[in-house]
Amino acid sequence: MADQTVLLTDKAIARLPLAATAQYKVHDTELKGFLVLVGKRRKSFMAQGDFWRGGIREFSVRKKLGDFGDLATRATRLKSFSERSRKE
């Protein structure tokens, strides 16, 4: 399945099917760098940040924030925002 972009809510994430073969990412429309990585067994919240130098992206970093079901989407979005703020 191709990567998607939707407003990530608990209800929207619950409706996402688990990956049949390869993992896929679902990005949030509200907060840049906040996404859910959907695998065969679980859905994980992730924060992603890009590092730029001279107008060229040097590299990207992704950090797992937790699994869907263990954390609420709203709380994880705040955690993602604070992670991104700390890196900038």
PDB file of N, CA and C in Angstrom:
ATOM      1  N   MET A   1       0.849  -1.184   0.000  1.00  0.00           N
ATOM      2  CA  MET A   1       0.000   0.000   0.000  1.00  0.00           C
ATOM      3  C   MET A   1       0.887   1.238   0.000  1.00  0.00           C
ATOM      4  N   ALA A   2       0.498   2.240  -0.749  1.00  0.00           N
ATOM      5  CA  ALA A   2       1.279   3.472  -0.844  1.00  0.00           C
ATOM      6  C   ALA A   2       1.097   4.327   0.407  1.00  0.00           C
ATOM      7  N   ASP A   3       2.070   5.202   0.655  1.00  0.00           N
ATOM      8  CA  ASP A   3       1.979   6.117   1.792  1.00  0.00           C
ATOM      9  C   ASP A   3       0.775   7.039   1.598  1.00  0.00           C
ATOM     10  N   GLN A   4       0.177   7.435   2.730  1.00  0.00           N
ATOM     11  CA  GLN A   4      -1.032   8.253   2.710  1.00  0.00           C
ATOM     12  C   GLN A   4      -0.850   9.472   3.591  1.00  0.00           C
ATOM     13  N   THR A   5      -1.765  10.434   3.456  1.00  0.00           N
ATOM     14  CA  THR A   5      -1.816  11.603   4.326  1.00  0.00           C
ATOM     15  C   THR A   5      -3.268  11.812   4.741  1.00  0.00           C
ATOM     16  N   VAL A   6      -3.542  11.739   6.041  1.00  0.00           N
ATOM     17  CA  VAL A   6      -4.883  11.941   6.584  1.00  0.00           C
ATOM     18  C   VAL A   6      -4.766  12.655   7.930  1.00  0.00           C
ATOM     19  N   LEU A   7      -5.878  13.165   8.424  1.00  0.00           N
ATOM     20  CA  LEU A   7      -5.908  13.716   9.780  1.00  0.00           C
ATOM     21  C   LEU A   7      -5.890  12.534  10.737  1.00  0.00           C
ATOM     22  N   LEU A   8      -4.821  12.383  11.491  1.00  0.00           N
ATOM     23  CA  LEU A   8      -4.671  11.239  12.379  1.00  0.00           C
ATOM     24  C   LEU A   8      -5.479  11.437  13.657  1.00  0.00           C
ATOM     25  N   THR A   9      -6.463  10.598  13.828  1.00  0.00           N
ATOM     26  CA  THR A   9      -7.272  10.539  15.041  1.00  0.00           C
ATOM     27  C   THR A   9      -7.319   9.076  15.475  1.00  0.00           C
ATOM     28  N   ASP A  10      -7.782   8.827  16.690  1.00  0.00           N
ATOM     29  CA  ASP A  10      -7.894   7.446  17.168  1.00  0.00           C
ATOM     30  C   ASP A  10      -8.791   6.625  16.237  1.00  0.00           C
ATOM     31  N   LYS A  11      -9.894   7.227  15.807  1.00  0.00           N
ATOM     32  CA  LYS A  11     -10.839   6.525  14.948  1.00  0.00           C
ATOM     33  C   LYS A  11     -10.227   6.234  13.571  1.00  0.00           C
ATOM     34  N   ALA A  12      -9.523   7.213  12.996  1.00  0.00           N
ATOM     35  CA  ALA A  12      -8.909   7.030  11.681  1.00  0.00           C
ATOM     36  C   ALA A  12      -7.822   5.957  11.720  1.00  0.00           C
ATOM     37  N   ILE A  13      -7.034   5.938  12.783  1.00  0.00           N
ATOM     38  CA  ILE A  13      -5.959   4.949  12.900  1.00  0.00           C
ATOM     39  C   ILE A  13      -6.530   3.553  13.114  1.00  0.00           C
ATOM     40  N   ALA A  14      -7.597   3.455  13.897  1.00  0.00           N
ATOM     41  CA  ALA A  14      -8.222   2.155  14.139  1.00  0.00           C
ATOM     42  C   ALA A  14      -8.739   1.549  12.830  1.00  0.00           C
ATOM     43  N   ARG A  15      -9.179   2.397  11.899  1.00  0.00           N
ATOM     44  CA  ARG A  15      -9.705   1.916  10.616  1.00  0.00           C
ATOM     45  C   ARG A  15      -8.617   1.492   9.631  1.00  0.00           C
ATOM     46  N   LEU A  16      -7.372   1.874   9.879  1.00  0.00           N
ATOM     47  CA  LEU A  16      -6.294   1.505   8.953  1.00  0.00           C
ATOM     48  C   LEU A  16      -6.047   0.003   9.006  1.00  0.00           C
ATOM     49  N   PRO A  17      -6.017  -0.655   7.840  1.00  0.00           N
ATOM     50  CA  PRO A  17      -5.729  -2.095   7.855  1.00  0.00           C
ATOM     51  C   PRO A  17      -4.245  -2.350   8.112  1.00  0.00           C
ATOM     52  N   LEU A  18      -3.954  -3.454   8.799  1.00  0.00           N
ATOM     53  CA  LEU A  18      -2.560  -3.838   8.988  1.00  0.00           C
ATOM     54  C   LEU A  18      -1.957  -4.168   7.626  1.00  0.00           C
ATOM     55  N   ALA A  19      -0.665  -4.016   7.510  1.00  0.00           N
ATOM     56  CA  ALA A  19       0.019  -4.235   6.232  1.00  0.00           C
ATOM     57  C   ALA A  19      -0.018  -5.711   5.861  1.00  0.00           C
ATOM     58  N   ALA A  20      -0.334  -5.976   4.598  1.00  0.00           N
ATOM     59  CA  ALA A  20      -0.361  -7.356   4.118  1.00  0.00           C
ATOM     60  C   ALA A  20       1.060  -7.850   3.842  1.00  0.00           C
ATOM     61  N   THR A  21       1.880  -6.993   3.233  1.00  0.00           N
ATOM     62  CA  THR A  21       3.250  -7.400   2.903  1.00  0.00           C
ATOM     63  C   THR A  21       4.256  -6.431   3.508  1.00  0.00           C
ATOM     64  N   ALA A  22       4.402  -5.258   2.924  1.00  0.00           N
ATOM     65  CA  ALA A  22       5.397  -4.285   3.390  1.00  0.00           C
ATOM     66  C   ALA A  22       4.742  -3.216   4.266  1.00  0.00           C
ATOM     67  N   GLN A  23       5.538  -2.631   5.170  1.00  0.00           N
ATOM     68  CA  GLN A  23       5.055  -1.537   6.007  1.00  0.00           C
ATOM     69  C   GLN A  23       4.682  -0.343   5.130  1.00  0.00           C
ATOM     70  N   TYR A  24       3.764   0.490   5.646  1.00  0.00           N
ATOM     71  CA  TYR A  24       3.454   1.750   4.974  1.00  0.00           C
ATOM     72  C   TYR A  24       3.271   2.841   6.023  1.00  0.00           C
ATOM     73  N   LYS A  25       3.456   4.104   5.578  1.00  0.00           N
ATOM     74  CA  LYS A  25       3.380   5.254   6.479  1.00  0.00           C
ATOM     75  C   LYS A  25       2.118   6.057   6.182  1.00  0.00           C
ATOM     76  N   VAL A  26       1.527   6.578   7.243  1.00  0.00           N
ATOM     77  CA  VAL A  26       0.384   7.474   7.123  1.00  0.00           C
ATOM     78  C   VAL A  26       0.758   8.755   7.853  1.00  0.00           C
ATOM     79  N   HIS A  27       0.923   9.846   7.094  1.00  0.00           N
ATOM     80  CA  HIS A  27       1.332  11.135   7.647  1.00  0.00           C
ATOM     81  C   HIS A  27       0.113  11.928   8.105  1.00  0.00           C
ATOM     82  N   ASP A  28       0.314  12.773   9.106  1.00  0.00           N
ATOM     83  CA  ASP A  28      -0.732  13.632   9.653  1.00  0.00           C
ATOM     84  C   ASP A  28      -0.844  14.908   8.825  1.00  0.00           C
ATOM     85  N   THR A  29      -2.068  15.365   8.584  1.00  0.00           N
ATOM     86  CA  THR A  29      -2.268  16.614   7.849  1.00  0.00           C
ATOM     87  C   THR A  29      -2.090  17.831   8.752  1.00  0.00           C
ATOM     88  N   GLU A  30      -2.210  17.642  10.061  1.00  0.00           N
ATOM     89  CA  GLU A  30      -2.192  18.756  11.005  1.00  0.00           C
ATOM     90  C   GLU A  30      -0.793  19.113  11.510  1.00  0.00           C
ATOM     91  N   LEU A  31       0.045  18.113  11.753  1.00  0.00           N
ATOM     92  CA  LEU A  31       1.369  18.341  12.333  1.00  0.00           C
ATOM     93  C   LEU A  31       2.429  17.697  11.446  1.00  0.00           C
ATOM     94  N   LYS A  32       3.253  18.529  10.850  1.00  0.00           N
ATOM     95  CA  LYS A  32       4.309  18.034   9.976  1.00  0.00           C
ATOM     96  C   LYS A  32       5.303  17.187  10.787  1.00  0.00           C
ATOM     97  N   GLY A  33       5.678  16.048  10.239  1.00  0.00           N
ATOM     98  CA  GLY A  33       6.635  15.185  10.914  1.00  0.00           C
ATOM     99  C   GLY A  33       6.009  14.157  11.844  1.00  0.00           C
ATOM    100  N   PHE A  34       4.686  14.162  11.983  1.00  0.00           N
ATOM    101  CA  PHE A  34       3.981  13.196  12.822  1.00  0.00           C
ATOM    102  C   PHE A  34       3.350  12.154  11.908  1.00  0.00           C
ATOM    103  N   LEU A  35       3.615  10.876  12.176  1.00  0.00           N
ATOM    104  CA  LEU A  35       3.095   9.831  11.298  1.00  0.00           C
ATOM    105  C   LEU A  35       2.869   8.536  12.066  1.00  0.00           C
ATOM    106  N   VAL A  36       2.153   7.633  11.416  1.00  0.00           N
ATOM    107  CA  VAL A  36       1.931   6.292  11.951  1.00  0.00           C
ATOM    108  C   VAL A  36       2.550   5.314  10.967  1.00  0.00           C
ATOM    109  N   LEU A  37       3.381   4.420  11.476  1.00  0.00           N
ATOM    110  CA  LEU A  37       3.984   3.366  10.668  1.00  0.00           C
ATOM    111  C   LEU A  37       3.154   2.108  10.898  1.00  0.00           C
ATOM    112  N   VAL A  38       2.536   1.604   9.822  1.00  0.00           N
ATOM    113  CA  VAL A  38       1.650   0.452   9.923  1.00  0.00           C
ATOM    114  C   VAL A  38       2.390  -0.782   9.434  1.00  0.00           C
ATOM    115  N   GLY A  39       2.505  -1.766  10.307  1.00  0.00           N
ATOM    116  CA  GLY A  39       3.182  -3.012   9.975  1.00  0.00           C
ATOM    117  C   GLY A  39       2.206  -4.175   9.961  1.00  0.00           C
ATOM    118  N   LYS A  40       2.747  -5.379   9.928  1.00  0.00           N
ATOM    119  CA  LYS A  40       1.906  -6.582   9.897  1.00  0.00           C
ATOM    120  C   LYS A  40       1.209  -6.843  11.225  1.00  0.00           C
ATOM    121  N   ARG A  41       1.836  -6.440  12.348  1.00  0.00           N
ATOM    122  CA  ARG A  41       1.283  -6.742  13.664  1.00  0.00           C
ATOM    123  C   ARG A  41       0.858  -5.529  14.484  1.00  0.00           C
ATOM    124  N   ARG A  42       1.423  -4.349  14.187  1.00  0.00           N
ATOM    125  CA  ARG A  42       1.116  -3.189  15.029  1.00  0.00           C
ATOM    126  C   ARG A  42       1.169  -1.893  14.229  1.00  0.00           C
ATOM    127  N   LYS A  43       0.657  -0.846  14.878  1.00  0.00           N
ATOM    128  CA  LYS A  43       0.675   0.513  14.331  1.00  0.00           C
ATOM    129  C   LYS A  43       1.448   1.365  15.329  1.00  0.00           C
ATOM    130  N   SER A  44       2.529   1.985  14.871  1.00  0.00           N
ATOM    131  CA  SER A  44       3.419   2.733  15.767  1.00  0.00           C
ATOM    132  C   SER A  44       3.424   4.212  15.418  1.00  0.00           C
ATOM    133  N   PHE A  45       3.350   5.049  16.460  1.00  0.00           N
ATOM    134  CA  PHE A  45       3.479   6.494  16.283  1.00  0.00           C
ATOM    135  C   PHE A  45       4.947   6.842  16.096  1.00  0.00           C
ATOM    136  N   MET A  46       5.240   7.735  15.157  1.00  0.00           N
ATOM    137  CA  MET A  46       6.613   8.138  14.865  1.00  0.00           C
ATOM    138  C   MET A  46       6.678   9.666  14.735  1.00  0.00           C
ATOM    139  N   ALA A  47       7.849  10.210  15.066  1.00  0.00           N
ATOM    140  CA  ALA A  47       8.162  11.616  14.801  1.00  0.00           C
ATOM    141  C   ALA A  47       9.335  11.617  13.827  1.00  0.00           C
ATOM    142  N   GLN A  48       9.251  12.447  12.799  1.00  0.00           N
ATOM    143  CA  GLN A  48      10.302  12.501  11.788  1.00  0.00           C
ATOM    144  C   GLN A  48      10.772  13.941  11.613  1.00  0.00           C
ATOM    145  N   GLY A  49      12.072  14.095  11.501  1.00  0.00           N
ATOM    146  CA  GLY A  49      12.647  15.412  11.270  1.00  0.00           C
ATOM    147  C   GLY A  49      13.720  15.329  10.195  1.00  0.00           C
ATOM    148  N   ASP A  50      13.801  16.356   9.371  1.00  0.00           N
ATOM    149  CA  ASP A  50      14.814  16.430   8.316  1.00  0.00           C
ATOM    150  C   ASP A  50      15.871  17.446   8.710  1.00  0.00           C
ATOM    151  N   PHE A  51      17.117  17.148   8.398  1.00  0.00           N
ATOM    152  CA  PHE A  51      18.226  18.047   8.683  1.00  0.00           C
ATOM    153  C   PHE A  51      18.771  18.574   7.360  1.00  0.00           C
ATOM    154  N   TRP A  52      18.794  19.908   7.233  1.00  0.00           N
ATOM    155  CA  TRP A  52      19.179  20.572   5.995  1.00  0.00           C
ATOM    156  C   TRP A  52      20.485  21.324   6.187  1.00  0.00           C
ATOM    157  N   ARG A  53      21.282  21.387   5.126  1.00  0.00           N
ATOM    158  CA  ARG A  53      22.504  22.187   5.121  1.00  0.00           C
ATOM    159  C   ARG A  53      22.683  22.761   3.722  1.00  0.00           C
ATOM    160  N   GLY A  54      22.728  24.074   3.639  1.00  0.00           N
ATOM    161  CA  GLY A  54      22.917  24.729   2.347  1.00  0.00           C
ATOM    162  C   GLY A  54      21.798  24.451   1.360  1.00  0.00           C
ATOM    163  N   GLY A  55      20.571  24.304   1.856  1.00  0.00           N
ATOM    164  CA  GLY A  55      19.435  24.059   0.978  1.00  0.00           C
ATOM    165  C   GLY A  55      19.308  22.619   0.511  1.00  0.00           C
ATOM    166  N   ILE A  56      20.136  21.727   1.033  1.00  0.00           N
ATOM    167  CA  ILE A  56      20.105  20.321   0.637  1.00  0.00           C
ATOM    168  C   ILE A  56      19.816  19.478   1.878  1.00  0.00           C
ATOM    169  N   ARG A  57      18.874  18.553   1.743  1.00  0.00           N
ATOM    170  CA  ARG A  57      18.560  17.685   2.875  1.00  0.00           C
ATOM    171  C   ARG A  57      19.708  16.710   3.085  1.00  0.00           C
ATOM    172  N   GLU A  58      20.324  16.791   4.251  1.00  0.00           N
ATOM    173  CA  GLU A  58      21.444  15.915   4.597  1.00  0.00           C
ATOM    174  C   GLU A  58      20.947  14.516   4.962  1.00  0.00           C
ATOM    175  N   PHE A  59      19.961  14.463   5.881  1.00  0.00           N
ATOM    176  CA  PHE A  59      19.415  13.175   6.305  1.00  0.00           C
ATOM    177  C   PHE A  59      18.112  13.388   7.056  1.00  0.00           C
ATOM    178  N   SER A  60      17.373  12.307   7.250  1.00  0.00           N
ATOM    179  CA  SER A  60      16.128  12.316   8.017  1.00  0.00           C
ATOM    180  C   SER A  60      16.289  11.400   9.219  1.00  0.00           C
ATOM    181  N   VAL A  61      15.611  11.763  10.289  1.00  0.00           N
ATOM    182  CA  VAL A  61      15.640  10.966  11.515  1.00  0.00           C
ATOM    183  C   VAL A  61      14.204  10.668  11.899  1.00  0.00           C
ATOM    184  N   ARG A  62      13.943   9.407  12.254  1.00  0.00           N
ATOM    185  CA  ARG A  62      12.635   9.005  12.731  1.00  0.00           C
ATOM    186  C   ARG A  62      12.783   8.396  14.115  1.00  0.00           C
ATOM    187  N   LYS A  63      11.870   8.758  15.022  1.00  0.00           N
ATOM    188  CA  LYS A  63      11.897   8.229  16.387  1.00  0.00           C
ATOM    189  C   LYS A  63      10.525   7.652  16.719  1.00  0.00           C
ATOM    190  N   LYS A  64      10.528   6.456  17.278  1.00  0.00           N
ATOM    191  CA  LYS A  64       9.276   5.828  17.697  1.00  0.00           C
ATOM    192  C   LYS A  64       8.817   6.461  18.999  1.00  0.00           C
ATOM    193  N   LEU A  65       7.539   6.865  19.031  1.00  0.00           N
ATOM    194  CA  LEU A  65       6.977   7.491  20.223  1.00  0.00           C
ATOM    195  C   LEU A  65       6.155   6.508  21.052  1.00  0.00           C
ATOM    196  N   GLY A  66       5.658   5.458  20.414  1.00  0.00           N
ATOM    197  CA  GLY A  66       4.853   4.464  21.115  1.00  0.00           C
ATOM    198  C   GLY A  66       3.955   3.741  20.141  1.00  0.00           C
ATOM    199  N   ASP A  67       3.193   2.774  20.652  1.00  0.00           N
ATOM    200  CA  ASP A  67       2.287   1.988  19.823  1.00  0.00           C
ATOM    201  C   ASP A  67       0.854   2.469  19.985  1.00  0.00           C
ATOM    202  N   PHE A  68       0.095   2.370  18.895  1.00  0.00           N
ATOM    203  CA  PHE A  68      -1.327   2.703  18.936  1.00  0.00           C
ATOM    204  C   PHE A  68      -2.021   1.698  19.845  1.00  0.00           C
ATOM    205  N   GLY A  69      -2.865   2.184  20.710  1.00  0.00           N
ATOM    206  CA  GLY A  69      -3.526   1.340  21.704  1.00  0.00           C
ATOM    207  C   GLY A  69      -2.942   1.575  23.085  1.00  0.00           C
ATOM    208  N   ASP A  70      -1.623   1.768  23.134  1.00  0.00           N
ATOM    209  CA  ASP A  70      -0.965   2.084  24.405  1.00  0.00           C
ATOM    210  C   ASP A  70      -1.062   3.577  24.700  1.00  0.00           C
ATOM    211  N   LEU A  71      -1.057   4.400  23.639  1.00  0.00           N
ATOM    212  CA  LEU A  71      -1.109   5.855  23.769  1.00  0.00           C
ATOM    213  C   LEU A  71      -2.259   6.417  22.942  1.00  0.00           C
ATOM    214  N   ALA A  72      -2.849   7.504  23.408  1.00  0.00           N
ATOM    215  CA  ALA A  72      -3.886   8.191  22.650  1.00  0.00           C
ATOM    216  C   ALA A  72      -3.228   9.088  21.603  1.00  0.00           C
ATOM    217  N   THR A  73      -3.907   9.278  20.492  1.00  0.00           N
ATOM    218  CA  THR A  73      -3.351  10.073  19.402  1.00  0.00           C
ATOM    219  C   THR A  73      -3.084  11.508  19.824  1.00  0.00           C
ATOM    220  N   ARG A  74      -3.994  12.106  20.564  1.00  0.00           N
ATOM    221  CA  ARG A  74      -3.839  13.509  20.978  1.00  0.00           C
ATOM    222  C   ARG A  74      -2.597  13.694  21.857  1.00  0.00           C
ATOM    223  N   ALA A  75      -2.395  12.801  22.805  1.00  0.00           N
ATOM    224  CA  ALA A  75      -1.229  12.891  23.690  1.00  0.00           C
ATOM    225  C   ALA A  75       0.056  12.657  22.916  1.00  0.00           C
ATOM    226  N   THR A  76       0.010  11.742  21.963  1.00  0.00           N
ATOM    227  CA  THR A  76       1.205  11.445  21.166  1.00  0.00           C
ATOM    228  C   THR A  76       1.542  12.598  20.230  1.00  0.00           C
ATOM    229  N   ARG A  77       0.528  13.284  19.726  1.00  0.00           N
ATOM    230  CA  ARG A  77       0.771  14.451  18.867  1.00  0.00           C
ATOM    231  C   ARG A  77       1.517  15.529  19.654  1.00  0.00           C
ATOM    232  N   LEU A  78       1.125  15.746  20.909  1.00  0.00           N
ATOM    233  CA  LEU A  78       1.823  16.718  21.761  1.00  0.00           C
ATOM    234  C   LEU A  78       3.259  16.282  22.026  1.00  0.00           C
ATOM    235  N   LYS A  79       3.445  14.980  22.245  1.00  0.00           N
ATOM    236  CA  LYS A  79       4.786  14.440  22.463  1.00  0.00           C
ATOM    237  C   LYS A  79       5.646  14.634  21.214  1.00  0.00           C
ATOM    238  N   SER A  80       5.060  14.430  20.042  1.00  0.00           N
ATOM    239  CA  SER A  80       5.767  14.620  18.779  1.00  0.00           C
ATOM    240  C   SER A  80       6.173  16.079  18.601  1.00  0.00           C
ATOM    241  N   PHE A  81       5.268  16.989  18.930  1.00  0.00           N
ATOM    242  CA  PHE A  81       5.554  18.418  18.810  1.00  0.00           C
ATOM    243  C   PHE A  81       6.704  18.817  19.724  1.00  0.00           C
ATOM    244  N   SER A  82       6.717  18.287  20.943  1.00  0.00           N
ATOM    245  CA  SER A  82       7.796  18.628  21.879  1.00  0.00           C
ATOM    246  C   SER A  82       9.116  18.026  21.424  1.00  0.00           C
ATOM    247  N   GLU A  83       9.110  16.827  20.819  1.00  0.00           N
ATOM    248  CA  GLU A  83      10.334  16.219  20.293  1.00  0.00           C
ATOM    249  C   GLU A  83      10.903  17.066  19.169  1.00  0.00           C
ATOM    250  N   ARG A  84      10.039  17.520  18.271  1.00  0.00           N
ATOM    251  CA  ARG A  84      10.489  18.343  17.141  1.00  0.00           C
ATOM    252  C   ARG A  84      11.028  19.686  17.625  1.00  0.00           C
ATOM    253  N   SER A  85      10.371  20.271  18.637  1.00  0.00           N
ATOM    254  CA  SER A  85      10.810  21.561  19.160  1.00  0.00           C
ATOM    255  C   SER A  85      12.177  21.450  19.817  1.00  0.00           C
ATOM    256  N   ARG A  86      12.422  20.331  20.465  1.00  0.00           N
ATOM    257  CA  ARG A  86      13.704  20.126  21.145  1.00  0.00           C
ATOM    258  C   ARG A  86      14.854  20.017  20.156  1.00  0.00           C
ATOM    259  N   LYS A  87      14.591  19.450  18.973  1.00  0.00           N
ATOM    260  CA  LYS A  87      15.638  19.243  17.979  1.00  0.00           C
ATOM    261  C   LYS A  87      15.956  20.511  17.195  1.00  0.00           C
ATOM    262  N   GLU A  88      15.004  21.447  17.103  1.00  0.00           N
ATOM    263  CA  GLU A  88      15.211  22.655  16.293  1.00  0.00           C
ATOM    264  C   GLU A  88      15.923  23.731  17.035  1.00  0.00           C
TER     265      GLU A  88
END
